[in-house]
Protein backbone atom coordinates (compact mmCIF):
# COMPACT_ATOMS: atom_id res chain seq x y z
CA UNK A 1 -8.56 0.38 0.58
CA UNK A 2 -10.54 -2.98 -0.05
CA UNK A 3 -9.90 -6.19 1.49
CA UNK A 4 -9.69 -8.09 -1.66
CA UNK A 5 -7.00 -6.67 -3.68
CA UNK A 6 -5.48 -7.74 -6.97
CA UNK A 7 -1.65 -9.09 -6.69
CA UNK A 8 -0.47 -5.94 -8.66
CA UNK A 9 -1.69 -3.94 -6.28
CA UNK A 10 -0.59 -5.66 -3.16
CA UNK A 11 2.92 -5.70 -4.71
CA UNK A 12 3.00 -1.88 -5.29
CA UNK A 13 1.67 -1.49 -1.68
CA UNK A 14 4.37 -3.68 -0.24
CA UNK A 15 7.31 -1.75 -2.29
CA UNK A 16 6.05 1.66 -0.89
CA UNK A 17 5.99 0.25 2.57
CA UNK A 18 9.54 -1.05 2.27
CA UNK A 19 10.57 2.19 0.66
CA UNK A 20 9.18 4.04 3.71
CA UNK A 21 11.82 3.96 6.19
CA UNK A 22 14.47 6.01 7.47
CA UNK A 23 17.83 5.62 6.11
CA UNK A 24 20.90 3.45 7.67
CA UNK A 25 23.20 4.94 10.02
CA UNK A 26 26.20 3.67 8.35
CA UNK A 27 25.18 5.68 4.90
CA UNK A 28 25.17 8.86 7.07
CA UNK A 29 28.85 7.80 8.17
CA UNK A 30 29.56 6.93 4.86
CA UNK A 31 28.70 10.01 3.09
CA UNK A 32 30.09 12.38 5.93
CA UNK A 33 26.61 13.09 7.31
CA UNK A 34 25.75 14.71 4.07
CA UNK A 35 22.48 12.78 3.84
CA UNK A 36 20.67 13.52 7.13
CA UNK A 37 17.37 11.63 6.52
CA UNK A 38 15.24 10.32 3.97
CA UNK A 39 13.17 13.06 2.02
CA UNK A 40 11.10 10.57 0.38
CA UNK A 41 9.46 9.75 3.60
CA UNK A 42 5.59 9.05 3.42
CA UNK A 43 3.37 9.40 6.24
CA UNK A 44 0.00 7.35 5.81
CA UNK A 45 -2.43 10.03 6.81
CA UNK A 46 -0.96 13.04 5.22
CA UNK A 47 0.21 12.06 1.62
CA UNK A 48 -2.01 9.48 -0.16
CA UNK A 49 -0.28 7.08 -2.98
CA UNK A 50 -2.69 7.99 -5.97
CA UNK A 51 -4.12 5.00 -6.21
């Protein structure tokens, strides 16, 4: 990744960074433990974003 990024790319990366987090514990309580983990987690080294 270059150090000079366009604003669109920076926005895209910020969104992906926010999405990549575990689910809150209260959601596990609310759904009765049906949703146990975030299946859309992404590891920075294993999975690329396709940029």
